[in-house]
Amino acid sequence: MATITKKDLVDRISARMTTCHRADVKQVIQSFLDSIIEELGKGNRLEFRDFGVFEVKERAARVAQNPKTLVPVKVPPKRTVKFKVGRLMKEQLERNASSKPEVVVNPDLSPNGRVQSKKPAT
């Protein structure tokens, strides 16, 4: 499983949209992310049909326990973001989960992943 960064997304989108410059795509993505943060900060719910829903949830104050010392610790209330997966994303994830990735073993690779030199046996 790979990690995709914002830069990776900008590169992919700008490659697909030949009429947009990379800098413009980066600005649009950053503006989009800033808007999400701003709206969630206001406590608003963001719904993107078939993609998913972001909403702020309030966690109540509670008493937890330090696992090392077993001393009770008061945990203050806090706000967190919940994401609920939308229909299309859920379907795509289920399709990908049902098709198991094929593992290809390259016999030329050593255990550390480097290509072994093929020297003739003497």
C-alpha atoms as a PDB file:
ATOM      1  CA  MET A   1       0.000   0.000   0.000  1.00  0.00           C
ATOM      2  CA  ALA A   2       1.451   3.355  -1.024  1.00  0.00           C
ATOM      3  CA  THR A   3       1.151   6.741   0.600  1.00  0.00           C
ATOM      4  CA  ILE A   4      -0.106   9.437  -1.761  1.00  0.00           C
ATOM      5  CA  THR A   5       0.854  12.993  -0.854  1.00  0.00           C
ATOM      6  CA  LYS A   6      -0.712  16.278  -1.862  1.00  0.00           C
ATOM      7  CA  LYS A   7       2.181  16.763  -4.287  1.00  0.00           C
ATOM      8  CA  ASP A   8       1.392  13.397  -5.900  1.00  0.00           C
ATOM      9  CA  LEU A   9      -2.244  14.429  -6.347  1.00  0.00           C
ATOM     10  CA  VAL A  10      -1.231  17.768  -7.844  1.00  0.00           C
ATOM     11  CA  ASP A  11       1.074  15.995 -10.299  1.00  0.00           C
ATOM     12  CA  ARG A  12      -1.584  13.451 -11.310  1.00  0.00           C
ATOM     13  CA  ILE A  13      -4.328  16.029 -11.795  1.00  0.00           C
ATOM     14  CA  SER A  14      -2.124  18.474 -13.683  1.00  0.00           C
ATOM     15  CA  ALA A  15      -1.026  15.623 -15.992  1.00  0.00           C
ATOM     16  CA  ARG A  16      -4.688  14.805 -16.764  1.00  0.00           C
ATOM     17  CA  MET A  17      -5.729  18.409 -17.268  1.00  0.00           C
ATOM     18  CA  THR A  18      -3.385  19.662 -19.963  1.00  0.00           C
ATOM     19  CA  THR A  19      -5.051  23.089 -19.973  1.00  0.00           C
ATOM     20  CA  CYS A  20      -4.206  23.761 -16.312  1.00  0.00           C
ATOM     21  CA  HIS A  21      -0.791  24.642 -14.991  1.00  0.00           C
ATOM     22  CA  ARG A  22       0.599  22.699 -12.044  1.00  0.00           C
ATOM     23  CA  ALA A  23       0.654  25.849  -9.883  1.00  0.00           C
ATOM     24  CA  ASP A  24      -3.053  26.466 -10.565  1.00  0.00           C
ATOM     25  CA  VAL A  25      -3.967  22.877  -9.647  1.00  0.00           C
ATOM     26  CA  LYS A  26      -1.923  23.158  -6.446  1.00  0.00           C
ATOM     27  CA  GLN A  27      -3.708  26.400  -5.527  1.00  0.00           C
ATOM     28  CA  VAL A  28      -7.154  24.879  -6.136  1.00  0.00           C
ATOM     29  CA  ILE A  29      -6.377  21.784  -4.042  1.00  0.00           C
ATOM     30  CA  GLN A  30      -4.961  23.883  -1.198  1.00  0.00           C
ATOM     31  CA  SER A  31      -7.962  26.200  -1.311  1.00  0.00           C
ATOM     32  CA  PHE A  32     -10.276  23.166  -1.197  1.00  0.00           C
ATOM     33  CA  LEU A  33      -8.478  21.694   1.824  1.00  0.00           C
ATOM     34  CA  ASP A  34      -8.414  25.085   3.581  1.00  0.00           C
ATOM     35  CA  SER A  35     -12.172  25.399   3.028  1.00  0.00           C
ATOM     36  CA  ILE A  36     -12.781  21.968   4.549  1.00  0.00           C
ATOM     37  CA  ILE A  37     -10.722  22.885   7.613  1.00  0.00           C
ATOM     38  CA  GLU A  38     -12.505  26.244   7.937  1.00  0.00           C
ATOM     39  CA  GLU A  39     -15.987  24.726   7.720  1.00  0.00           C
ATOM     40  CA  LEU A  40     -15.195  21.930  10.163  1.00  0.00           C
ATOM     41  CA  GLY A  41     -13.739  24.548  12.511  1.00  0.00           C
ATOM     42  CA  LYS A  42     -17.125  26.288  12.450  1.00  0.00           C
ATOM     43  CA  GLY A  43     -18.787  22.983  13.339  1.00  0.00           C
ATOM     44  CA  ASN A  44     -20.390  22.545   9.913  1.00  0.00           C
ATOM     45  CA  ARG A  45     -21.044  19.202   8.268  1.00  0.00           C
ATOM     46  CA  LEU A  46     -19.521  18.654   4.804  1.00  0.00           C
ATOM     47  CA  GLU A  47     -21.317  16.255   2.506  1.00  0.00           C
ATOM     48  CA  PHE A  48     -19.868  15.161  -0.823  1.00  0.00           C
ATOM     49  CA  ARG A  49     -22.430  12.924  -2.522  1.00  0.00           C
ATOM     50  CA  ASP A  50     -21.168   9.378  -3.158  1.00  0.00           C
ATOM     51  CA  PHE A  51     -17.757  10.274  -1.662  1.00  0.00           C
ATOM     52  CA  GLY A  52     -18.529  10.744   2.005  1.00  0.00           C
ATOM     53  CA  VAL A  53     -19.429  13.033   4.878  1.00  0.00           C
ATOM     54  CA  PHE A  54     -17.140  14.912   7.259  1.00  0.00           C
ATOM     55  CA  GLU A  55     -18.638  16.049  10.529  1.00  0.00           C
ATOM     56  CA  VAL A  56     -17.428  17.303  13.890  1.00  0.00           C
ATOM     57  CA  LYS A  57     -18.210  15.149  16.902  1.00  0.00           C
ATOM     58  CA  GLU A  58     -17.928  16.223  20.524  1.00  0.00           C
ATOM     59  CA  ARG A  59     -16.252  13.753  22.843  1.00  0.00           C
ATOM     60  CA  ALA A  60     -17.416  14.029  26.417  1.00  0.00           C
ATOM     61  CA  ALA A  61     -15.050  14.466  29.320  1.00  0.00           C
ATOM     62  CA  ARG A  62     -14.159  11.183  30.946  1.00  0.00           C
ATOM     63  CA  VAL A  63     -11.930   9.582  33.513  1.00  0.00           C
ATOM     64  CA  ALA A  64      -9.234   7.318  32.053  1.00  0.00           C
ATOM     65  CA  GLN A  65      -6.516   5.334  33.743  1.00  0.00           C
ATOM     66  CA  ASN A  66      -2.753   5.585  33.312  1.00  0.00           C
ATOM     67  CA  PRO A  67      -1.859   2.017  32.286  1.00  0.00           C
ATOM     68  CA  LYS A  68       1.558   2.147  33.966  1.00  0.00           C
ATOM     69  CA  THR A  69       0.628   3.648  37.337  1.00  0.00           C
ATOM     70  CA  LEU A  70      -3.118   2.818  37.318  1.00  0.00           C
ATOM     71  CA  VAL A  71      -3.786   6.364  38.547  1.00  0.00           C
ATOM     72  CA  PRO A  72      -7.099   7.844  37.312  1.00  0.00           C
ATOM     73  CA  VAL A  73      -6.613  10.729  34.863  1.00  0.00           C
ATOM     74  CA  LYS A  74      -9.254  13.283  33.864  1.00  0.00           C
ATOM     75  CA  VAL A  75      -9.530  13.610  30.085  1.00  0.00           C
ATOM     76  CA  PRO A  76     -11.140  16.899  29.018  1.00  0.00           C
ATOM     77  CA  PRO A  77     -13.882  17.070  26.381  1.00  0.00           C
ATOM     78  CA  LYS A  78     -12.662  17.534  22.834  1.00  0.00           C
ATOM     79  CA  ARG A  79     -13.844  17.884  19.281  1.00  0.00           C
ATOM     80  CA  THR A  80     -12.864  15.360  16.633  1.00  0.00           C
ATOM     81  CA  VAL A  81     -13.703  14.809  12.965  1.00  0.00           C
ATOM     82  CA  LYS A  82     -15.687  11.792  11.854  1.00  0.00           C
ATOM     83  CA  PHE A  83     -15.701  10.622   8.231  1.00  0.00           C
ATOM     84  CA  LYS A  84     -18.448   8.391   6.898  1.00  0.00           C
ATOM     85  CA  VAL A  85     -17.678   6.697   3.587  1.00  0.00           C
ATOM     86  CA  GLY A  86     -20.050   7.397   0.692  1.00  0.00           C
ATOM     87  CA  ARG A  87     -21.698   4.871  -1.596  1.00  0.00           C
ATOM     88  CA  LEU A  88     -19.317   5.021  -4.587  1.00  0.00           C
ATOM     89  CA  MET A  89     -16.196   4.943  -2.441  1.00  0.00           C
ATOM     90  CA  LYS A  90     -17.573   2.036  -0.426  1.00  0.00           C
ATOM     91  CA  GLU A  91     -18.349   0.091  -3.612  1.00  0.00           C
ATOM     92  CA  GLN A  92     -14.871   0.779  -5.004  1.00  0.00           C
ATOM     93  CA  LEU A  93     -13.205  -0.332  -1.769  1.00  0.00           C
ATOM     94  CA  GLU A  94     -15.263  -3.519  -1.692  1.00  0.00           C
ATOM     95  CA  ARG A  95     -14.400  -4.275  -5.340  1.00  0.00           C
ATOM     96  CA  ASN A  96     -10.691  -3.772  -4.635  1.00  0.00           C
ATOM     97  CA  ALA A  97     -10.850  -5.910  -1.495  1.00  0.00           C
ATOM     98  CA  SER A  98     -12.457  -8.808  -3.358  1.00  0.00           C
ATOM     99  CA  SER A  99      -9.751  -8.845  -6.038  1.00  0.00           C
ATOM    100  CA  LYS A 100      -6.618  -9.942  -4.231  1.00  0.00           C
ATOM    101  CA  PRO A 101      -3.388  -8.450  -5.541  1.00  0.00           C
ATOM    102  CA  GLU A 102      -1.160 -10.836  -7.423  1.00  0.00           C
ATOM    103  CA  VAL A 103       2.253 -11.305  -5.877  1.00  0.00           C
ATOM    104  CA  VAL A 104       5.012 -11.540  -8.456  1.00  0.00           C
ATOM    105  CA  VAL A 105       8.353 -12.875  -7.322  1.00  0.00           C
ATOM    106  CA  ASN A 106      11.389 -11.794  -9.305  1.00  0.00           C
ATOM    107  CA  PRO A 107      14.009 -14.545  -9.141  1.00  0.00           C
ATOM    108  CA  ASP A 108      16.732 -12.001  -9.949  1.00  0.00           C
ATOM    109  CA  LEU A 109      16.142 -10.182  -6.653  1.00  0.00           C
ATOM    110  CA  SER A 110      18.094 -11.005  -3.549  1.00  0.00           C
ATOM    111  CA  PRO A 111      16.345 -11.028  -0.140  1.00  0.00           C
ATOM    112  CA  ASN A 112      17.222  -7.333   0.308  1.00  0.00           C
ATOM    113  CA  GLY A 113      15.380  -6.418  -2.913  1.00  0.00           C
ATOM    114  CA  ARG A 114      18.464  -5.703  -5.031  1.00  0.00           C
ATOM    115  CA  VAL A 115      19.105  -7.295  -8.392  1.00  0.00           C
ATOM    116  CA  GLN A 116      21.673 -10.032  -8.118  1.00  0.00           C
ATOM    117  CA  SER A 117      24.437 -10.101 -10.649  1.00  0.00           C
ATOM    118  CA  LYS A 118      24.210 -13.064 -12.940  1.00  0.00           C
ATOM    119  CA  LYS A 119      27.741 -14.404 -12.965  1.00  0.00           C
ATOM    120  CA  PRO A 120      28.308 -17.680 -14.694  1.00  0.00           C
ATOM    121  CA  ALA A 121      28.871 -20.538 -12.290  1.00  0.00           C
ATOM    122  CA  THR A 122      32.477 -21.719 -12.299  1.00  0.00           C
END
